[in-house]
């Protein structure tokens, strides 16, 4: 009889462990939450994708004369970020022109920071792989966040 109870105790312990692990939040959810929280900025202006040359090509996505570059525009209340996507890099400009820094964050939490010069120009090398978003910090103290996008 003692062996019978010991088997039930082991079964109950295993069931308890299964219930506890089912309640745990998957690590990828925790990582995504931390990444989102680390970028929170209550005073940030949000810039949404307002133009994509691929979408502008029409429903088939094909133009009569295919362009070697892809153009993206993120528009906010006070600032616009224009991007040209090349084969290995991104070139862009902040409008109106202001110096500052631009962070490029990928979904895995990697952040690359590049300078924005006095006329608003910047270059990102290498081009981000997969989904990314931009965070612009201007010299005048403005913060602009973009949508997540893929190039």
Protein backbone atom coordinates (compact mmCIF):
# COMPACT_ATOMS: atom_id res chain seq x y z
CA UNK A 1 0.00 0.00 0.00
CA UNK A 2 2.91 2.35 0.74
CA UNK A 3 4.12 1.95 -2.86
CA UNK A 4 0.64 2.88 -4.09
CA UNK A 5 0.67 6.19 -2.14
CA UNK A 6 4.23 6.96 -3.23
CA UNK A 7 3.16 6.56 -6.89
CA UNK A 8 0.22 8.91 -6.36
CA UNK A 9 2.46 11.49 -4.68
CA UNK A 10 4.87 11.39 -7.61
CA UNK A 11 1.95 11.74 -10.05
CA UNK A 12 0.58 14.73 -8.09
CA UNK A 13 4.05 16.34 -8.06
CA UNK A 14 4.35 15.91 -11.84
CA UNK A 15 0.85 17.31 -12.39
CA UNK A 16 1.69 20.31 -10.18
CA UNK A 17 4.84 20.99 -12.21
CA UNK A 18 2.87 20.76 -15.47
CA UNK A 19 0.29 23.28 -14.22
CA UNK A 20 3.03 25.70 -13.04
CA UNK A 21 4.89 25.56 -16.35
CA UNK A 22 1.65 26.06 -18.30
CA UNK A 23 1.11 29.30 -16.36
CA UNK A 24 4.55 30.67 -17.22
CA UNK A 25 4.75 33.35 -19.90
CA UNK A 26 6.79 32.24 -22.94
CA UNK A 27 10.25 33.83 -23.04
CA UNK A 28 9.61 35.44 -26.45
CA UNK A 29 6.58 37.28 -24.98
CA UNK A 30 8.68 38.55 -22.08
CA UNK A 31 11.42 39.73 -24.49
CA UNK A 32 8.90 41.53 -26.72
CA UNK A 33 7.33 43.22 -23.69
CA UNK A 34 10.68 44.40 -22.39
CA UNK A 35 11.65 45.73 -25.83
CA UNK A 36 8.37 47.62 -26.14
CA UNK A 37 8.67 49.04 -22.62
CA UNK A 38 12.27 50.13 -23.16
CA UNK A 39 11.13 52.29 -26.08
CA UNK A 40 8.24 53.94 -24.28
CA UNK A 41 8.40 57.70 -24.36
CA UNK A 42 5.27 59.59 -23.42
CA UNK A 43 6.40 62.70 -25.28
CA UNK A 44 7.31 60.90 -28.50
CA UNK A 45 5.62 61.77 -31.75
CA UNK A 46 4.44 58.73 -33.68
CA UNK A 47 5.21 58.65 -37.41
CA UNK A 48 3.22 56.24 -39.55
CA UNK A 49 4.11 54.83 -42.94
CA UNK A 50 2.47 57.25 -45.39
CA UNK A 51 4.18 56.19 -48.62
CA UNK A 52 5.76 52.99 -49.91
CA UNK A 53 6.89 52.90 -53.53
CA UNK A 54 6.14 49.16 -53.71
CA UNK A 55 2.49 49.78 -52.74
CA UNK A 56 2.35 52.76 -55.10
CA UNK A 57 3.34 50.48 -57.99
CA UNK A 58 -0.20 49.08 -57.97
CA UNK A 59 -1.88 45.83 -57.00
CA UNK A 60 0.56 43.66 -58.95
CA UNK A 61 3.58 45.40 -57.45
CA UNK A 62 5.13 45.66 -60.93
CA UNK A 63 6.03 48.85 -62.76
CA UNK A 64 6.77 49.26 -66.41
CA UNK A 65 10.29 50.39 -65.46
CA UNK A 66 11.35 48.81 -62.17
CA UNK A 67 13.22 51.22 -59.87
CA UNK A 68 16.46 50.00 -58.25
CA UNK A 69 15.52 51.75 -54.99
CA UNK A 70 12.50 51.47 -52.74
CA UNK A 71 11.22 54.66 -51.15
CA UNK A 72 9.42 54.85 -47.81
CA UNK A 73 8.03 57.88 -46.02
CA UNK A 74 7.03 58.02 -42.36
CA UNK A 75 4.91 61.05 -41.53
CA UNK A 76 4.28 62.52 -38.12
CA UNK A 77 2.82 65.75 -36.81
CA UNK A 78 6.05 67.76 -36.88
CA UNK A 79 8.56 65.55 -38.71
CA UNK A 80 8.84 63.32 -41.76
CA UNK A 81 11.45 60.61 -42.20
CA UNK A 82 12.16 59.73 -45.83
CA UNK A 83 14.03 56.50 -46.61
CA UNK A 84 15.61 55.08 -49.73
CA UNK A 85 16.27 51.36 -49.49
CA UNK A 86 19.31 50.19 -51.41
CA UNK A 87 20.70 46.70 -51.83
CA UNK A 88 22.70 46.83 -48.60
CA UNK A 89 21.81 50.03 -46.81
CA UNK A 90 19.24 52.71 -46.02
CA UNK A 91 19.74 56.40 -46.81
CA UNK A 92 17.38 59.00 -45.50
CA UNK A 93 16.54 62.50 -44.52
CA UNK A 94 14.63 64.11 -41.68
CA UNK A 95 12.27 66.89 -42.78
CA UNK A 96 12.47 69.62 -41.58
CA UNK A 97 16.23 69.18 -41.47
CA UNK A 98 17.69 68.83 -37.99
CA UNK A 99 20.75 67.12 -36.55
CA UNK A 100 20.32 64.30 -34.08
CA UNK A 101 20.56 60.55 -33.73
CA UNK A 102 18.55 57.75 -35.28
CA UNK A 103 18.12 54.37 -33.58
CA UNK A 104 17.25 51.35 -35.72
CA UNK A 105 15.69 48.63 -33.55
CA UNK A 106 15.11 45.12 -34.82
CA UNK A 107 12.59 42.63 -33.39
CA UNK A 108 15.32 40.79 -31.50
CA UNK A 109 16.06 43.98 -29.54
CA UNK A 110 19.27 44.91 -31.37
CA UNK A 111 19.70 48.68 -31.69
CA UNK A 112 22.02 50.44 -34.13
CA UNK A 113 22.47 54.19 -33.61
CA UNK A 114 23.55 56.43 -36.49
CA UNK A 115 24.14 60.20 -36.59
CA UNK A 116 21.81 62.58 -38.40
CA UNK A 117 23.76 65.53 -39.80
CA UNK A 118 22.83 69.23 -39.88
CA UNK A 119 20.84 68.88 -43.12
CA UNK A 120 18.94 65.86 -41.79
CA UNK A 121 20.83 63.17 -43.77
CA UNK A 122 21.68 59.75 -42.37
CA UNK A 123 22.84 56.34 -43.58
CA UNK A 124 22.19 52.93 -42.02
CA UNK A 125 24.71 50.21 -42.87
CA UNK A 126 23.98 47.37 -43.08
CA UNK A 127 20.31 47.45 -43.97
CA UNK A 128 18.23 45.81 -41.21
CA UNK A 129 17.11 42.25 -41.89
CA UNK A 130 13.50 41.55 -40.98
CA UNK A 131 11.17 43.90 -39.11
CA UNK A 132 12.55 47.13 -37.66
CA UNK A 133 11.47 50.55 -36.47
CA UNK A 134 13.18 53.91 -36.16
CA UNK A 135 13.53 56.27 -33.22
CA UNK A 136 14.70 59.77 -34.07
CA UNK A 137 16.05 62.06 -31.36
CA UNK A 138 16.57 65.56 -32.75
CA UNK A 139 19.03 68.12 -31.44
CA UNK A 140 16.05 70.24 -30.35
CA UNK A 141 14.80 67.46 -28.07
CA UNK A 142 12.00 65.95 -30.17
CA UNK A 143 11.55 62.17 -30.23
CA UNK A 144 9.85 60.51 -33.20
CA UNK A 145 8.97 56.77 -33.34
CA UNK A 146 7.96 54.97 -36.53
CA UNK A 147 5.79 51.95 -37.27
CA UNK A 148 7.43 48.54 -37.48
CA UNK A 149 8.26 47.83 -41.12
CA UNK A 150 10.17 45.38 -43.31
CA UNK A 151 12.31 46.20 -46.35
